[in-house]
Amino acid sequence: MSAISNVTVSRNYFSLFFATLGASLAQLVRAPSHSRRAEAALRSARHGLWLAAGIGALTIALMVWLDATEIRLMPPRGTASLWPLRILTDFGKSAYVLWALAVLLFAVLIASAGVRATARSLLLGLGTRLQFLFFAVLVSVLAGEVIKWMVGRGRPFVGGEANAFNFSHFAGTEAYASFPSGHATTAFALAFAVSALWPQARIAMLLYAIVIAATRLVLLAHHPSDVVAGALIGVIGAMFVRYWFAARRLGFAISRDGTIVALPGPSFERVNRVARRPFGP
């Protein structure tokens, strides 16, 4: 009888898990529910256009006046003393960041299927915020990859010289995938998304993004304008995903003037208390 009981419990557990997973995905594609979504969309679009115009102009200026000069000042590629930067730069690698967020999200969903109703609600709130972080990075990275393929800019010293205007459009090769920087896109998208949810982490996340961007320059993986463009795409991509979530009142809400604000979420202390409790119905 105990074996039959265990099988029944397991089936109920997995049924609840897959139901929770399906519901968490379905809420992302449901029709927007917020009456002020138009104001928020306009506000977000206006901010995005200002960012694109300002940093776009800066990107062009960097191409003309700084890119070639900057890469001549960097240590030669393969310098042995740069090994710490080669490790550090991987903290901005999109695959690593996305896999880490995906594992955390699935761990939260799995845990939520085996706890009491109050604790489940708390964990699902955390899961919604992890969904936002994941899609903020994913959307930004995918947009950056499309631009990389279209632009086809050569990485520093591809062709044997510090040529900032070495392009092979639609090449689709690693050598011609310099613009924009994928690491900068990932780091700034993650920094914006985390800061949107937890403003107290803003300075730490900004420092993280700047350090990741700097490693790409020192390691001669990108031109300065590649990094600036990557930062722009990361921020605008995360802004778009934040609006998408806010229009569905997922982790964010839209105020009367169209401003998007983070909803109160589960604190670390409350999540920690739930994690210490034994699983139960």
Protein backbone atom coordinates (compact mmCIF):
# COMPACT_ATOMS: atom_id res chain seq x y z
CA MET A 1 0.00 0.00 0.00
CA SER A 2 2.85 2.37 0.82
CA ALA A 3 4.34 1.86 -2.65
CA ILE A 4 0.99 2.67 -4.28
CA SER A 5 0.68 5.72 -2.07
CA ASN A 6 4.15 6.92 -3.05
CA VAL A 7 3.36 6.49 -6.76
CA THR A 8 0.13 8.48 -6.31
CA VAL A 9 1.95 11.28 -4.50
CA SER A 10 4.61 11.38 -7.22
CA ARG A 11 2.00 11.58 -9.95
CA ASN A 12 0.18 14.37 -8.14
CA TYR A 13 3.45 16.21 -7.63
CA PHE A 14 4.47 16.06 -11.30
CA SER A 15 0.95 16.92 -12.43
CA LEU A 16 1.06 20.02 -10.25
CA PHE A 17 4.54 20.90 -11.52
CA PHE A 18 3.57 20.70 -15.19
CA ALA A 19 0.33 22.58 -14.52
CA THR A 20 2.34 25.32 -12.81
CA LEU A 21 4.85 25.40 -15.68
CA GLY A 22 2.06 25.68 -18.25
CA ALA A 23 0.31 28.43 -16.31
CA SER A 24 3.54 30.41 -15.91
CA LEU A 25 4.09 30.35 -19.68
CA ALA A 26 0.44 31.06 -20.50
CA GLN A 27 0.43 34.22 -18.40
CA LEU A 28 3.15 35.67 -20.62
CA VAL A 29 1.08 35.46 -23.80
CA ARG A 30 -2.32 36.44 -22.44
CA ALA A 31 -3.93 39.67 -23.59
CA PRO A 32 -2.69 42.79 -21.78
CA SER A 33 -4.93 43.57 -18.84
CA HIS A 34 -3.81 47.00 -17.77
CA SER A 35 -5.88 49.99 -18.87
CA ARG A 36 -2.85 52.30 -18.91
CA ARG A 37 -0.68 50.12 -21.13
CA ALA A 38 -0.85 52.63 -24.01
CA GLU A 39 0.65 55.38 -21.84
CA ALA A 40 3.39 53.02 -20.67
CA ALA A 41 4.11 51.90 -24.24
CA LEU A 42 4.44 55.51 -25.38
CA ARG A 43 6.65 56.40 -22.46
CA SER A 44 8.86 53.33 -22.99
CA ALA A 45 9.09 54.00 -26.74
CA ARG A 46 10.05 57.63 -26.11
CA HIS A 47 12.79 56.63 -23.68
CA GLY A 48 14.00 53.96 -26.10
CA LEU A 49 14.18 56.43 -28.99
CA TRP A 50 16.14 58.93 -26.90
CA LEU A 51 18.55 56.20 -25.88
CA ALA A 52 18.90 54.98 -29.47
CA ALA A 53 19.48 58.47 -30.82
CA GLY A 54 21.96 59.53 -28.14
CA ILE A 55 24.00 56.37 -27.93
CA GLY A 56 23.69 55.80 -31.69
CA ALA A 57 25.38 59.14 -32.27
CA LEU A 58 28.01 58.25 -29.67
CA THR A 59 28.61 54.90 -31.38
CA ILE A 60 29.31 56.58 -34.73
CA ALA A 61 31.61 59.11 -33.06
CA LEU A 62 33.54 56.29 -31.40
CA MET A 63 33.93 54.50 -34.72
CA VAL A 64 35.45 57.58 -36.32
CA TRP A 65 37.63 58.96 -33.51
CA LEU A 66 38.41 56.26 -30.97
CA ASP A 67 38.00 52.65 -32.12
CA ALA A 68 41.22 52.17 -34.08
CA THR A 69 43.27 54.21 -31.59
CA GLU A 70 41.92 52.35 -28.55
CA ILE A 71 42.69 48.86 -29.81
CA ARG A 72 46.31 49.85 -30.57
CA LEU A 73 46.70 50.80 -26.87
CA MET A 74 45.50 47.42 -25.55
CA PRO A 75 47.92 44.59 -24.60
CA PRO A 76 48.62 42.12 -27.42
CA ARG A 77 46.05 39.35 -27.78
CA GLY A 78 47.13 36.23 -25.87
CA THR A 79 49.12 38.12 -23.20
CA ALA A 80 49.63 35.56 -20.40
CA SER A 81 48.95 38.01 -17.54
CA LEU A 82 45.41 38.58 -18.80
CA TRP A 83 44.17 35.13 -17.72
CA PRO A 84 42.04 36.55 -14.84
CA LEU A 85 40.16 38.70 -17.35
CA ARG A 86 39.50 35.66 -19.54
CA ILE A 87 37.78 34.03 -16.57
CA LEU A 88 35.98 37.20 -15.50
CA THR A 89 34.60 37.95 -18.97
CA ASP A 90 32.68 34.65 -19.00
CA PHE A 91 30.35 36.02 -16.31
CA GLY A 92 28.84 38.04 -19.14
CA LYS A 93 28.53 35.14 -21.59
CA SER A 94 24.89 34.89 -22.63
CA ALA A 95 24.75 31.08 -22.57
CA TYR A 96 26.03 30.92 -18.99
CA VAL A 97 23.72 33.67 -17.74
CA LEU A 98 20.64 32.21 -19.46
CA TRP A 99 21.35 28.68 -18.26
CA ALA A 100 21.85 29.93 -14.69
CA LEU A 101 18.55 31.82 -14.77
CA ALA A 102 16.75 28.84 -16.35
CA VAL A 103 18.04 26.46 -13.67
CA LEU A 104 16.97 28.86 -10.91
CA LEU A 105 13.53 29.26 -12.49
CA PHE A 106 12.95 25.52 -12.81
CA ALA A 107 14.20 24.96 -9.26
CA VAL A 108 11.65 27.48 -7.98
CA LEU A 109 8.83 25.89 -10.03
CA ILE A 110 9.76 22.42 -8.81
CA ALA A 111 9.89 23.61 -5.20
CA SER A 112 6.54 25.36 -5.53
CA ALA A 113 4.85 22.07 -6.44
CA GLY A 114 5.67 20.53 -3.08
CA VAL A 115 4.87 23.20 -0.50
CA ARG A 116 1.82 24.63 1.20
CA ALA A 117 -0.42 27.16 -0.54
CA THR A 118 1.05 30.24 1.17
CA ALA A 119 4.61 29.18 0.43
CA ARG A 120 3.62 28.26 -3.14
CA SER A 121 2.31 31.76 -3.74
CA LEU A 122 5.57 33.21 -2.47
CA LEU A 123 7.69 30.99 -4.70
CA LEU A 124 5.55 31.67 -7.75
CA GLY A 125 6.05 35.39 -7.17
CA LEU A 126 9.80 34.76 -7.20
CA GLY A 127 9.37 32.62 -10.32
CA THR A 128 7.64 35.48 -12.16
CA ARG A 129 10.60 37.73 -11.43
CA LEU A 130 13.06 35.09 -12.61
CA GLN A 131 11.01 34.80 -15.82
CA PHE A 132 11.42 38.53 -16.31
CA LEU A 133 15.19 38.33 -15.85
CA PHE A 134 15.43 35.39 -18.26
CA PHE A 135 13.39 36.98 -21.04
CA ALA A 136 15.02 40.41 -20.56
CA VAL A 137 18.37 38.82 -21.36
CA LEU A 138 17.06 36.42 -24.02
CA VAL A 139 15.20 39.04 -26.08
CA SER A 140 18.17 41.43 -25.95
CA VAL A 141 20.64 38.71 -26.96
CA LEU A 142 18.49 37.51 -29.88
CA ALA A 143 18.14 41.09 -31.16
CA GLY A 144 21.91 41.52 -30.87
CA GLU A 145 22.57 38.30 -32.80
CA VAL A 146 20.38 39.45 -35.69
CA ILE A 147 22.23 42.78 -35.82
CA LYS A 148 25.60 40.98 -35.70
CA TRP A 149 24.64 38.95 -38.76
CA MET A 150 23.35 41.97 -40.66
CA VAL A 151 26.25 44.31 -39.87
CA GLY A 152 29.10 41.79 -40.15
CA ARG A 153 31.75 43.99 -38.56
CA GLY A 154 35.24 42.55 -38.26
CA ARG A 155 36.74 42.13 -34.82
CA PRO A 156 39.86 44.13 -33.92
CA PHE A 157 42.83 43.23 -36.13
CA VAL A 158 40.81 40.94 -38.41
CA GLY A 159 42.60 41.46 -41.72
CA GLY A 160 45.86 42.27 -39.90
CA GLU A 161 45.32 45.90 -38.96
CA ALA A 162 43.33 48.08 -36.53
CA ASN A 163 40.64 48.86 -39.07
CA ALA A 164 37.41 50.12 -37.48
CA PHE A 165 35.56 49.98 -40.81
CA ASN A 166 36.13 46.37 -41.82
CA PHE A 167 32.69 44.97 -42.73
CA SER A 168 31.42 41.82 -44.41
CA HIS A 169 27.65 42.07 -44.16
CA PHE A 170 25.67 38.85 -43.60
CA ALA A 171 28.93 36.89 -43.28
CA GLY A 172 27.68 34.96 -40.26
CA THR A 173 31.21 34.11 -39.06
CA GLU A 174 32.78 34.66 -35.65
CA ALA A 175 35.48 36.90 -37.12
CA TYR A 176 32.80 39.25 -38.46
CA ALA A 177 30.55 39.28 -35.38
CA SER A 178 32.03 42.24 -33.55
CA PHE A 179 29.06 44.65 -33.61
CA PRO A 180 27.42 44.69 -31.12
CA SER A 181 29.20 43.04 -28.21
CA GLY A 182 27.14 40.07 -27.02
CA HIS A 183 28.74 40.14 -23.57
CA ALA A 184 27.90 43.84 -23.15
CA THR A 185 24.34 43.19 -24.34
CA THR A 186 23.92 40.39 -21.79
CA ALA A 187 25.53 42.28 -18.92
CA PHE A 188 23.59 45.51 -19.41
CA ALA A 189 20.28 43.69 -20.00
CA LEU A 190 20.78 41.74 -16.78
CA ALA A 191 21.90 44.87 -14.92
CA PHE A 192 18.83 46.83 -16.03
CA ALA A 193 16.44 43.95 -15.27
CA VAL A 194 17.82 43.27 -11.79
CA SER A 195 17.84 46.99 -11.00
CA ALA A 196 14.23 47.33 -12.19
CA LEU A 197 13.17 44.68 -9.68
CA TRP A 198 15.54 45.53 -6.84
CA PRO A 199 16.70 49.18 -7.08
CA GLN A 200 19.02 48.73 -4.12
CA ALA A 201 21.20 46.53 -6.35
CA ARG A 202 21.55 49.22 -9.02
CA ILE A 203 25.12 50.32 -8.25
CA ALA A 204 26.44 46.77 -7.92
CA MET A 205 24.80 45.70 -11.19
CA LEU A 206 26.09 48.78 -13.03
CA LEU A 207 29.62 48.01 -11.85
CA TYR A 208 29.19 44.40 -12.99
CA ALA A 209 28.09 45.51 -16.47
CA ILE A 210 30.92 48.04 -16.81
CA VAL A 211 33.54 45.49 -15.74
CA ILE A 212 32.26 42.91 -18.24
CA ALA A 213 32.28 45.53 -21.01
CA ALA A 214 35.83 46.60 -20.09
CA THR A 215 37.11 43.03 -20.32
CA ARG A 216 35.92 42.82 -23.92
CA LEU A 217 38.06 45.84 -24.80
CA VAL A 218 41.20 44.72 -22.96
CA LEU A 219 40.97 41.25 -24.47
CA LEU A 220 40.66 42.80 -27.97
CA ALA A 221 37.38 41.02 -28.58
CA HIS A 222 35.54 44.22 -29.51
CA HIS A 223 35.86 47.86 -30.47
CA PRO A 224 34.60 50.51 -28.00
CA SER A 225 31.61 51.27 -30.24
CA ASP A 226 30.67 47.56 -30.19
CA VAL A 227 30.47 47.67 -26.41
CA VAL A 228 28.44 50.89 -26.35
CA ALA A 229 25.99 49.49 -28.92
CA GLY A 230 25.72 46.25 -26.94
CA ALA A 231 24.88 48.19 -23.80
CA LEU A 232 22.20 50.11 -25.70
CA ILE A 233 20.59 46.97 -27.11
CA GLY A 234 20.66 45.29 -23.71
CA VAL A 235 18.92 48.19 -21.98
CA ILE A 236 16.29 48.71 -24.70
CA GLY A 237 15.57 44.97 -24.90
CA ALA A 238 15.11 44.75 -21.13
CA MET A 239 12.88 47.86 -21.22
CA PHE A 240 10.65 46.18 -23.83
CA VAL A 241 10.32 43.02 -21.73
CA ARG A 242 9.58 45.11 -18.63
CA TYR A 243 6.72 46.80 -20.49
CA TRP A 244 5.42 43.41 -21.68
CA PHE A 245 5.32 42.14 -18.09
CA ALA A 246 3.84 45.37 -16.72
CA ALA A 247 1.01 45.33 -19.28
CA ARG A 248 0.05 41.94 -17.82
CA ARG A 249 0.73 43.03 -14.23
CA LEU A 250 3.48 40.46 -13.79
CA GLY A 251 6.04 41.77 -11.33
CA PHE A 252 5.37 45.35 -12.45
CA ALA A 253 2.45 47.76 -12.59
CA ILE A 254 1.70 50.84 -14.68
CA SER A 255 0.98 54.01 -12.69
CA ARG A 256 -1.47 56.72 -13.75
CA ASP A 257 1.18 58.73 -15.60
CA GLY A 258 2.39 55.66 -17.51
CA THR A 259 5.42 55.05 -15.33
CA ILE A 260 6.27 51.39 -14.82
CA VAL A 261 6.93 50.48 -11.19
CA ALA A 262 7.98 47.20 -9.61
CA LEU A 263 5.34 45.47 -7.50
CA PRO A 264 6.33 44.40 -3.98
CA GLY A 265 7.87 40.97 -4.24
CA PRO A 266 9.04 38.19 -1.96
CA SER A 267 11.92 39.25 0.26
CA PHE A 268 15.05 37.15 0.70
CA GLU A 269 14.14 36.52 4.34
CA ARG A 270 10.69 35.13 3.44
CA VAL A 271 12.08 32.93 0.66
CA ASN A 272 14.76 31.66 3.04
CA ARG A 273 12.12 30.77 5.63
CA VAL A 274 10.12 28.84 3.04
CA ALA A 275 13.24 26.98 1.90
CA ARG A 276 13.83 25.78 5.45
CA ARG A 277 10.34 24.31 5.85
CA PRO A 278 9.66 20.67 5.00
CA PHE A 279 7.54 20.04 1.93
CA GLY A 280 3.89 19.48 2.54
CA PRO A 281 0.44 19.85 0.99
